[in-house]
Amino acid sequence: MWPAIATVFIIIALYLGTYLLNRRTPQPVDAAPSSEACESCMNYSCGFKQRMEED
């Protein structure tokens, strides 16, 4: 029972860790998509789109 709980905890911790590291990674200047491309994108969880709406 404990190995299963530990495995689930490790998987959740890895997911959260990689999510936070990915969110904090700055986007390269030359790889910025245009605003026209973001308007046609339907991915509402996109971090770049959320940052554009904040600005």
PDB file of N, CA and C in Angstrom:
ATOM      1  N   MET A   1       0.817  -1.196   0.000  1.00  0.00           N
ATOM      2  CA  MET A   1       0.000   0.000   0.000  1.00  0.00           C
ATOM      3  C   MET A   1       0.859   1.257   0.000  1.00  0.00           C
ATOM      4  N   TRP A   2       1.902   1.287   0.845  1.00  0.00           N
ATOM      5  CA  TRP A   2       2.742   2.479   0.923  1.00  0.00           C
ATOM      6  C   TRP A   2       3.526   2.734  -0.355  1.00  0.00           C
ATOM      7  N   PRO A   3       4.024   1.717  -1.036  1.00  0.00           N
ATOM      8  CA  PRO A   3       4.722   1.996  -2.296  1.00  0.00           C
ATOM      9  C   PRO A   3       3.806   2.640  -3.342  1.00  0.00           C
ATOM     10  N   ALA A   4       2.545   2.261  -3.366  1.00  0.00           N
ATOM     11  CA  ALA A   4       1.607   2.851  -4.316  1.00  0.00           C
ATOM     12  C   ALA A   4       1.359   4.323  -3.993  1.00  0.00           C
ATOM     13  N   ILE A   5       1.195   4.630  -2.720  1.00  0.00           N
ATOM     14  CA  ILE A   5       0.980   6.019  -2.311  1.00  0.00           C
ATOM     15  C   ILE A   5       2.225   6.851  -2.599  1.00  0.00           C
ATOM     16  N   ALA A   6       3.390   6.306  -2.327  1.00  0.00           N
ATOM     17  CA  ALA A   6       4.633   7.021  -2.599  1.00  0.00           C
ATOM     18  C   ALA A   6       4.815   7.259  -4.099  1.00  0.00           C
ATOM     19  N   THR A   7       4.453   6.277  -4.912  1.00  0.00           N
ATOM     20  CA  THR A   7       4.565   6.424  -6.360  1.00  0.00           C
ATOM     21  C   THR A   7       3.649   7.527  -6.871  1.00  0.00           C
ATOM     22  N   VAL A   8       2.419   7.578  -6.405  1.00  0.00           N
ATOM     23  CA  VAL A   8       1.483   8.628  -6.811  1.00  0.00           C
ATOM     24  C   VAL A   8       1.998   9.990  -6.362  1.00  0.00           C
ATOM     25  N   PHE A   9       2.513  10.076  -5.143  1.00  0.00           N
ATOM     26  CA  PHE A   9       3.052  11.332  -4.628  1.00  0.00           C
ATOM     27  C   PHE A   9       4.232  11.802  -5.481  1.00  0.00           C
ATOM     28  N   ILE A  10       5.112  10.893  -5.854  1.00  0.00           N
ATOM     29  CA  ILE A  10       6.276  11.236  -6.678  1.00  0.00           C
ATOM     30  C   ILE A  10       5.836  11.711  -8.063  1.00  0.00           C
ATOM     31  N   ILE A  11       4.854  11.056  -8.650  1.00  0.00           N
ATOM     32  CA  ILE A  11       4.361  11.464  -9.971  1.00  0.00           C
ATOM     33  C   ILE A  11       3.744  12.858  -9.909  1.00  0.00           C
ATOM     34  N   ILE A  12       2.962  13.138  -8.877  1.00  0.00           N
ATOM     35  CA  ILE A  12       2.354  14.464  -8.728  1.00  0.00           C
ATOM     36  C   ILE A  12       3.430  15.518  -8.499  1.00  0.00           C
ATOM     37  N   ALA A  13       4.422  15.212  -7.682  1.00  0.00           N
ATOM     38  CA  ALA A  13       5.507  16.161  -7.419  1.00  0.00           C
ATOM     39  C   ALA A  13       6.311  16.439  -8.685  1.00  0.00           C
ATOM     40  N   LEU A  14       6.578  15.420  -9.483  1.00  0.00           N
ATOM     41  CA  LEU A  14       7.294  15.622 -10.746  1.00  0.00           C
ATOM     42  C   LEU A  14       6.489  16.484 -11.710  1.00  0.00           C
ATOM     43  N   TYR A  15       5.199  16.232 -11.786  1.00  0.00           N
ATOM     44  CA  TYR A  15       4.344  17.035 -12.665  1.00  0.00           C
ATOM     45  C   TYR A  15       4.352  18.501 -12.244  1.00  0.00           C
ATOM     46  N   LEU A  16       4.135  18.763 -10.966  1.00  0.00           N
ATOM     47  CA  LEU A  16       4.112  20.140 -10.482  1.00  0.00           C
ATOM     48  C   LEU A  16       5.466  20.810 -10.650  1.00  0.00           C
ATOM     49  N   GLY A  17       6.532  20.075 -10.390  1.00  0.00           N
ATOM     50  CA  GLY A  17       7.869  20.646 -10.546  1.00  0.00           C
ATOM     51  C   GLY A  17       8.173  21.022 -11.980  1.00  0.00           C
ATOM     52  N   THR A  18       7.874  20.141 -12.913  1.00  0.00           N
ATOM     53  CA  THR A  18       8.143  20.461 -14.316  1.00  0.00           C
ATOM     54  C   THR A  18       7.222  21.565 -14.821  1.00  0.00           C
ATOM     55  N   TYR A  19       5.986  21.618 -14.331  1.00  0.00           N
ATOM     56  CA  TYR A  19       5.069  22.689 -14.728  1.00  0.00           C
ATOM     57  C   TYR A  19       5.608  24.044 -14.272  1.00  0.00           C
ATOM     58  N   LEU A  20       6.045  24.125 -13.022  1.00  0.00           N
ATOM     59  CA  LEU A  20       6.558  25.393 -12.504  1.00  0.00           C
ATOM     60  C   LEU A  20       7.860  25.798 -13.199  1.00  0.00           C
ATOM     61  N   LEU A  21       8.739  24.834 -13.442  1.00  0.00           N
ATOM     62  CA  LEU A  21       9.979  25.159 -14.148  1.00  0.00           C
ATOM     63  C   LEU A  21       9.700  25.633 -15.568  1.00  0.00           C
ATOM     64  N   ASN A  22       8.750  25.021 -16.246  1.00  0.00           N
ATOM     65  CA  ASN A  22       8.401  25.426 -17.601  1.00  0.00           C
ATOM     66  C   ASN A  22       7.783  26.816 -17.610  1.00  0.00           C
ATOM     67  N   ARG A  23       6.970  27.121 -16.633  1.00  0.00           N
ATOM     68  CA  ARG A  23       6.314  28.433 -16.563  1.00  0.00           C
ATOM     69  C   ARG A  23       7.325  29.542 -16.303  1.00  0.00           C
ATOM     70  N   ARG A  24       8.364  29.254 -15.541  1.00  0.00           N
ATOM     71  CA  ARG A  24       9.367  30.267 -15.207  1.00  0.00           C
ATOM     72  C   ARG A  24      10.425  30.444 -16.287  1.00  0.00           C
ATOM     73  N   THR A  25      10.488  29.551 -17.238  1.00  0.00           N
ATOM     74  CA  THR A  25      11.478  29.639 -18.301  1.00  0.00           C
ATOM     75  C   THR A  25      11.097  30.759 -19.259  1.00  0.00           C
ATOM     76  N   PRO A  26      12.005  31.711 -19.477  1.00  0.00           N
ATOM     77  CA  PRO A  26      11.670  32.807 -20.390  1.00  0.00           C
ATOM     78  C   PRO A  26      11.625  32.324 -21.833  1.00  0.00           C
ATOM     79  N   GLN A  27      10.761  32.960 -22.603  1.00  0.00           N
ATOM     80  CA  GLN A  27      10.620  32.611 -24.013  1.00  0.00           C
ATOM     81  C   GLN A  27      11.722  33.310 -24.807  1.00  0.00           C
ATOM     82  N   PRO A  28      12.365  32.608 -25.735  1.00  0.00           N
ATOM     83  CA  PRO A  28      13.382  33.249 -26.568  1.00  0.00           C
ATOM     84  C   PRO A  28      12.770  34.390 -27.377  1.00  0.00           C
ATOM     85  N   VAL A  29      13.540  35.452 -27.569  1.00  0.00           N
ATOM     86  CA  VAL A  29      13.042  36.638 -28.259  1.00  0.00           C
ATOM     87  C   VAL A  29      12.687  36.318 -29.710  1.00  0.00           C
ATOM     88  N   ASP A  30      13.516  35.544 -30.378  1.00  0.00           N
ATOM     89  CA  ASP A  30      13.282  35.264 -31.788  1.00  0.00           C
ATOM     90  C   ASP A  30      12.198  34.210 -32.014  1.00  0.00           C
ATOM     91  N   ALA A  31      11.639  33.627 -30.970  1.00  0.00           N
ATOM     92  CA  ALA A  31      10.621  32.587 -31.122  1.00  0.00           C
ATOM     93  C   ALA A  31       9.229  33.082 -30.742  1.00  0.00           C
ATOM     94  N   ALA A  32       9.072  34.392 -30.579  1.00  0.00           N
ATOM     95  CA  ALA A  32       7.783  34.930 -30.176  1.00  0.00           C
ATOM     96  C   ALA A  32       6.778  34.825 -31.321  1.00  0.00           C
ATOM     97  N   PRO A  33       5.634  34.182 -31.081  1.00  0.00           N
ATOM     98  CA  PRO A  33       4.622  34.096 -32.133  1.00  0.00           C
ATOM     99  C   PRO A  33       3.931  35.443 -32.320  1.00  0.00           C
ATOM    100  N   SER A  34       3.391  35.660 -33.480  1.00  0.00           N
ATOM    101  CA  SER A  34       2.700  36.913 -33.748  1.00  0.00           C
ATOM    102  C   SER A  34       1.333  36.904 -33.078  1.00  0.00           C
ATOM    103  N   SER A  35       0.772  38.075 -32.864  1.00  0.00           N
ATOM    104  CA  SER A  35      -0.534  38.156 -32.220  1.00  0.00           C
ATOM    105  C   SER A  35      -1.627  37.581 -33.123  1.00  0.00           C
ATOM    106  N   GLU A  36      -1.419  37.611 -34.448  1.00  0.00           N
ATOM    107  CA  GLU A  36      -2.407  37.028 -35.356  1.00  0.00           C
ATOM    108  C   GLU A  36      -2.495  35.518 -35.152  1.00  0.00           C
ATOM    109  N   ALA A  37      -1.356  34.883 -34.934  1.00  0.00           N
ATOM    110  CA  ALA A  37      -1.349  33.436 -34.709  1.00  0.00           C
ATOM    111  C   ALA A  37      -2.036  33.096 -33.396  1.00  0.00           C
ATOM    112  N   CYS A  38      -1.886  33.938 -32.391  1.00  0.00           N
ATOM    113  CA  CYS A  38      -2.521  33.669 -31.097  1.00  0.00           C
ATOM    114  C   CYS A  38      -4.026  33.868 -31.159  1.00  0.00           C
ATOM    115  N   GLU A  39      -4.495  34.748 -32.013  1.00  0.00           N
ATOM    116  CA  GLU A  39      -5.941  34.972 -32.117  1.00  0.00           C
ATOM    117  C   GLU A  39      -6.655  33.756 -32.693  1.00  0.00           C
ATOM    118  N   SER A  40      -5.981  33.024 -33.570  1.00  0.00           N
ATOM    119  CA  SER A  40      -6.614  31.861 -34.175  1.00  0.00           C
ATOM    120  C   SER A  40      -6.419  30.588 -33.354  1.00  0.00           C
ATOM    121  N   CYS A  41      -5.573  30.639 -32.355  1.00  0.00           N
ATOM    122  CA  CYS A  41      -5.304  29.475 -31.510  1.00  0.00           C
ATOM    123  C   CYS A  41      -6.441  29.285 -30.508  1.00  0.00           C
ATOM    124  N   MET A  42      -6.849  28.043 -30.308  1.00  0.00           N
ATOM    125  CA  MET A  42      -7.945  27.755 -29.388  1.00  0.00           C
ATOM    126  C   MET A  42      -7.467  27.187 -28.049  1.00  0.00           C
ATOM    127  N   ASN A  43      -6.158  27.223 -27.791  1.00  0.00           N
ATOM    128  CA  ASN A  43      -5.603  26.701 -26.545  1.00  0.00           C
ATOM    129  C   ASN A  43      -5.689  27.794 -25.479  1.00  0.00           C
ATOM    130  N   TYR A  44      -6.702  27.724 -24.614  1.00  0.00           N
ATOM    131  CA  TYR A  44      -6.910  28.761 -23.616  1.00  0.00           C
ATOM    132  C   TYR A  44      -5.982  28.630 -22.417  1.00  0.00           C
ATOM    133  N   SER A  45      -5.294  27.514 -22.286  1.00  0.00           N
ATOM    134  CA  SER A  45      -4.381  27.342 -21.166  1.00  0.00           C
ATOM    135  C   SER A  45      -2.950  27.718 -21.547  1.00  0.00           C
ATOM    136  N   CYS A  46      -2.766  28.284 -22.710  1.00  0.00           N
ATOM    137  CA  CYS A  46      -1.439  28.669 -23.186  1.00  0.00           C
ATOM    138  C   CYS A  46      -0.874  29.777 -22.299  1.00  0.00           C
ATOM    139  N   GLY A  47       0.324  29.562 -21.797  1.00  0.00           N
ATOM    140  CA  GLY A  47       0.955  30.564 -20.933  1.00  0.00           C
ATOM    141  C   GLY A  47       1.281  31.854 -21.656  1.00  0.00           C
ATOM    142  N   PHE A  48       1.664  31.753 -22.921  1.00  0.00           N
ATOM    143  CA  PHE A  48       1.999  32.960 -23.686  1.00  0.00           C
ATOM    144  C   PHE A  48       0.745  33.806 -23.912  1.00  0.00           C
ATOM    145  N   LYS A  49      -0.358  33.156 -24.211  1.00  0.00           N
ATOM    146  CA  LYS A  49      -1.612  33.888 -24.432  1.00  0.00           C
ATOM    147  C   LYS A  49      -2.058  34.563 -23.136  1.00  0.00           C
ATOM    148  N   GLN A  50      -1.897  33.911 -22.019  1.00  0.00           N
ATOM    149  CA  GLN A  50      -2.280  34.510 -20.736  1.00  0.00           C
ATOM    150  C   GLN A  50      -1.403  35.703 -20.410  1.00  0.00           C
ATOM    151  N   ARG A  51      -0.112  35.624 -20.727  1.00  0.00           N
ATOM    152  CA  ARG A  51       0.788  36.765 -20.495  1.00  0.00           C
ATOM    153  C   ARG A  51       0.428  37.940 -21.397  1.00  0.00           C
ATOM    154  N   MET A  52       0.011  37.655 -22.639  1.00  0.00           N
ATOM    155  CA  MET A  52      -0.379  38.730 -23.559  1.00  0.00           C
ATOM    156  C   MET A  52      -1.617  39.447 -23.054  1.00  0.00           C
ATOM    157  N   GLU A  53      -2.561  38.718 -22.450  1.00  0.00           N
ATOM    158  CA  GLU A  53      -3.772  39.325 -21.927  1.00  0.00           C
ATOM    159  C   GLU A  53      -3.482  40.170 -20.697  1.00  0.00           C
ATOM    160  N   GLU A  54      -2.448  39.817 -19.922  1.00  0.00           N
ATOM    161  CA  GLU A  54      -2.092  40.595 -18.734  1.00  0.00           C
ATOM    162  C   GLU A  54      -1.477  41.934 -19.118  1.00  0.00           C
ATOM    163  N   ASP A  55      -0.748  41.978 -20.223  1.00  0.00           N
ATOM    164  CA  ASP A  55      -0.068  43.220 -20.644  1.00  0.00           C
ATOM    165  C   ASP A  55      -0.997  44.212 -21.247  1.00  0.00           C
TER     166      ASP A  55
END
